[in-house]
Amino acid sequence: MDQLTVVISEQEQAEIRLEFARLKQDHADFDAAIEAMIATACDPLRIQRMKKKKLALKDRLQELEDRIIPDIIA
C-alpha cells in the first residue's frame, strides 16, 4: 500500500512556521518562569502545573514540526 503524502500550501506552511515560532517563544518563557519559581521556593504545586503546561507546548511544537518536515523513509 502506498504511503499517503499530504502536500500543504506555502501559505499553510508559513502559518505553521509562525505559530511554531510563537509557541517556541512561549516555551522559553515558561522555562524562565519555572526557573524563577524554583529559585524563589514557590509552591511546588504551581511549579508542577507550569511544567505540565510547558510539556503541552512541547507536544504541540512537535506536532507542528511533523507537519512542516515530512518523514523520509530511506
N, C-alpha and C. Protein backbone atom coordinates (compact mmCIF):
# COMPACT_ATOMS: atom_id res chain seq x y z
N MET A 1 0.84 -1.18 0.00
CA MET A 1 0.00 0.00 0.00
C MET A 1 0.89 1.24 0.00
N ASP A 2 0.55 2.19 -0.85
CA ASP A 2 1.35 3.41 -0.94
C ASP A 2 1.12 4.30 0.26
N GLN A 3 2.18 5.02 0.63
CA GLN A 3 2.08 5.94 1.76
C GLN A 3 1.37 7.20 1.28
N LEU A 4 0.43 7.69 2.06
CA LEU A 4 -0.31 8.90 1.73
C LEU A 4 0.59 10.10 1.94
N THR A 5 0.74 10.90 0.92
CA THR A 5 1.56 12.10 1.02
C THR A 5 0.64 13.31 1.06
N VAL A 6 0.77 14.09 2.11
CA VAL A 6 -0.05 15.28 2.26
C VAL A 6 0.81 16.48 1.91
N VAL A 7 0.32 17.24 0.93
CA VAL A 7 1.04 18.42 0.50
C VAL A 7 0.30 19.64 1.04
N ILE A 8 1.04 20.49 1.73
CA ILE A 8 0.41 21.71 2.25
C ILE A 8 0.92 22.90 1.45
N SER A 9 0.06 23.89 1.32
CA SER A 9 0.41 25.07 0.53
C SER A 9 1.48 25.89 1.25
N GLU A 10 2.09 26.78 0.49
CA GLU A 10 3.10 27.66 1.08
C GLU A 10 2.47 28.56 2.14
N GLN A 11 1.22 28.97 1.91
CA GLN A 11 0.50 29.80 2.88
C GLN A 11 0.33 29.04 4.19
N GLU A 12 -0.11 27.79 4.09
CA GLU A 12 -0.28 26.96 5.30
C GLU A 12 1.05 26.75 6.00
N GLN A 13 2.09 26.51 5.21
CA GLN A 13 3.42 26.31 5.79
C GLN A 13 3.88 27.57 6.53
N ALA A 14 3.62 28.74 5.94
CA ALA A 14 4.01 30.00 6.57
C ALA A 14 3.25 30.19 7.89
N GLU A 15 1.95 29.85 7.89
CA GLU A 15 1.14 29.97 9.11
C GLU A 15 1.65 29.02 10.19
N ILE A 16 2.00 27.80 9.79
CA ILE A 16 2.52 26.82 10.74
C ILE A 16 3.84 27.30 11.33
N ARG A 17 4.71 27.82 10.47
CA ARG A 17 6.01 28.32 10.94
C ARG A 17 5.83 29.50 11.91
N LEU A 18 4.85 30.35 11.63
CA LEU A 18 4.58 31.49 12.51
C LEU A 18 4.09 31.01 13.87
N GLU A 19 3.16 30.06 13.87
CA GLU A 19 2.67 29.51 15.13
C GLU A 19 3.79 28.80 15.87
N PHE A 20 4.63 28.08 15.13
CA PHE A 20 5.77 27.38 15.73
C PHE A 20 6.69 28.37 16.45
N ALA A 21 7.00 29.47 15.78
CA ALA A 21 7.89 30.47 16.38
C ALA A 21 7.27 31.08 17.64
N ARG A 22 5.97 31.36 17.59
CA ARG A 22 5.28 31.92 18.76
C ARG A 22 5.29 30.93 19.93
N LEU A 23 4.99 29.68 19.63
CA LEU A 23 4.96 28.66 20.69
C LEU A 23 6.35 28.39 21.24
N LYS A 24 7.36 28.46 20.37
CA LYS A 24 8.74 28.27 20.82
C LYS A 24 9.11 29.36 21.83
N GLN A 25 8.67 30.59 21.56
CA GLN A 25 8.94 31.69 22.49
C GLN A 25 8.17 31.48 23.79
N ASP A 26 6.90 31.05 23.68
CA ASP A 26 6.11 30.76 24.88
C ASP A 26 6.79 29.67 25.72
N HIS A 27 7.32 28.66 25.06
CA HIS A 27 8.00 27.55 25.75
C HIS A 27 9.21 28.08 26.52
N ALA A 28 9.98 28.96 25.87
CA ALA A 28 11.15 29.55 26.53
C ALA A 28 10.72 30.42 27.72
N ASP A 29 9.60 31.14 27.55
CA ASP A 29 9.08 31.98 28.64
C ASP A 29 8.66 31.11 29.83
N PHE A 30 7.99 30.00 29.55
CA PHE A 30 7.60 29.09 30.62
C PHE A 30 8.84 28.56 31.34
N ASP A 31 9.86 28.22 30.57
CA ASP A 31 11.10 27.70 31.15
C ASP A 31 11.71 28.73 32.11
N ALA A 32 11.77 29.97 31.68
CA ALA A 32 12.33 31.04 32.53
C ALA A 32 11.46 31.24 33.77
N ALA A 33 10.14 31.21 33.60
CA ALA A 33 9.24 31.39 34.73
C ALA A 33 9.39 30.25 35.74
N ILE A 34 9.51 29.04 35.24
CA ILE A 34 9.68 27.88 36.12
C ILE A 34 10.98 28.00 36.91
N GLU A 35 12.05 28.38 36.23
CA GLU A 35 13.34 28.54 36.91
C GLU A 35 13.24 29.60 38.01
N ALA A 36 12.54 30.70 37.72
CA ALA A 36 12.38 31.76 38.71
C ALA A 36 11.54 31.27 39.89
N MET A 37 10.51 30.48 39.60
CA MET A 37 9.66 29.95 40.66
C MET A 37 10.45 29.00 41.56
N ILE A 38 11.29 28.19 40.95
CA ILE A 38 12.12 27.26 41.73
C ILE A 38 13.11 28.05 42.60
N ALA A 39 13.71 29.08 42.02
CA ALA A 39 14.70 29.88 42.75
C ALA A 39 14.09 30.61 43.94
N THR A 40 12.81 30.94 43.85
CA THR A 40 12.17 31.68 44.94
C THR A 40 11.35 30.76 45.85
N ALA A 41 11.57 29.46 45.70
CA ALA A 41 10.89 28.47 46.53
C ALA A 41 9.37 28.62 46.49
N CYS A 42 8.86 28.78 45.28
CA CYS A 42 7.42 28.91 45.06
C CYS A 42 6.72 27.59 45.40
N ASP A 43 5.41 27.66 45.51
CA ASP A 43 4.58 26.49 45.80
C ASP A 43 4.86 25.38 44.78
N PRO A 44 5.25 24.19 45.23
CA PRO A 44 5.56 23.08 44.32
C PRO A 44 4.40 22.71 43.38
N LEU A 45 3.16 22.87 43.85
CA LEU A 45 2.01 22.56 43.01
C LEU A 45 1.92 23.52 41.83
N ARG A 46 2.19 24.80 42.06
CA ARG A 46 2.20 25.79 40.97
C ARG A 46 3.31 25.47 39.98
N ILE A 47 4.47 25.09 40.49
CA ILE A 47 5.59 24.74 39.62
C ILE A 47 5.20 23.53 38.76
N GLN A 48 4.58 22.54 39.37
CA GLN A 48 4.18 21.34 38.65
C GLN A 48 3.18 21.68 37.54
N ARG A 49 2.24 22.57 37.83
CA ARG A 49 1.26 22.99 36.83
C ARG A 49 1.94 23.69 35.66
N MET A 50 2.91 24.53 35.97
CA MET A 50 3.66 25.23 34.91
C MET A 50 4.42 24.23 34.05
N LYS A 51 5.02 23.24 34.69
CA LYS A 51 5.76 22.22 33.94
C LYS A 51 4.83 21.44 33.02
N LYS A 52 3.61 21.18 33.48
CA LYS A 52 2.64 20.46 32.67
C LYS A 52 2.25 21.29 31.44
N LYS A 53 2.04 22.58 31.63
CA LYS A 53 1.72 23.47 30.52
C LYS A 53 2.88 23.54 29.53
N LYS A 54 4.10 23.59 30.07
CA LYS A 54 5.29 23.64 29.22
C LYS A 54 5.39 22.36 28.39
N LEU A 55 5.09 21.23 28.99
CA LEU A 55 5.13 19.95 28.28
C LEU A 55 4.07 19.92 27.18
N ALA A 56 2.89 20.47 27.44
CA ALA A 56 1.84 20.53 26.41
C ALA A 56 2.31 21.38 25.23
N LEU A 57 3.01 22.47 25.52
CA LEU A 57 3.56 23.30 24.45
C LEU A 57 4.59 22.52 23.63
N LYS A 58 5.41 21.76 24.32
CA LYS A 58 6.42 20.97 23.62
C LYS A 58 5.76 19.95 22.69
N ASP A 59 4.68 19.32 23.16
CA ASP A 59 3.96 18.36 22.33
C ASP A 59 3.38 19.04 21.09
N ARG A 60 2.81 20.23 21.27
CA ARG A 60 2.25 20.98 20.14
C ARG A 60 3.35 21.38 19.17
N LEU A 61 4.50 21.78 19.68
CA LEU A 61 5.63 22.13 18.82
C LEU A 61 6.04 20.93 17.97
N GLN A 62 6.05 19.75 18.57
CA GLN A 62 6.41 18.54 17.83
C GLN A 62 5.40 18.25 16.73
N GLU A 63 4.12 18.44 17.04
CA GLU A 63 3.07 18.23 16.03
C GLU A 63 3.28 19.16 14.84
N LEU A 64 3.55 20.43 15.13
CA LEU A 64 3.76 21.40 14.06
C LEU A 64 5.00 21.07 13.24
N GLU A 65 6.05 20.67 13.93
CA GLU A 65 7.29 20.32 13.25
C GLU A 65 7.07 19.11 12.34
N ASP A 66 6.28 18.16 12.80
CA ASP A 66 5.98 16.98 11.98
C ASP A 66 5.20 17.36 10.73
N ARG A 67 4.37 18.39 10.81
CA ARG A 67 3.61 18.83 9.64
C ARG A 67 4.51 19.56 8.64
N ILE A 68 5.51 20.26 9.14
CA ILE A 68 6.41 21.02 8.27
C ILE A 68 7.45 20.11 7.61
N ILE A 69 8.01 19.21 8.42
CA ILE A 69 9.09 18.33 7.94
C ILE A 69 8.53 16.92 7.80
N PRO A 70 8.27 16.50 6.57
CA PRO A 70 7.71 15.16 6.39
C PRO A 70 8.72 14.07 6.72
N ASP A 71 8.19 12.93 7.15
CA ASP A 71 9.04 11.77 7.42
C ASP A 71 9.62 11.27 6.10
N ILE A 72 10.90 10.96 6.10
CA ILE A 72 11.54 10.42 4.92
C ILE A 72 11.96 8.99 5.26
N ILE A 73 11.40 8.07 4.53
CA ILE A 73 11.74 6.67 4.75
C ILE A 73 12.84 6.30 3.75
N ALA A 74 14.00 5.98 4.30
CA ALA A 74 15.14 5.66 3.42
C ALA A 74 15.21 4.19 3.14
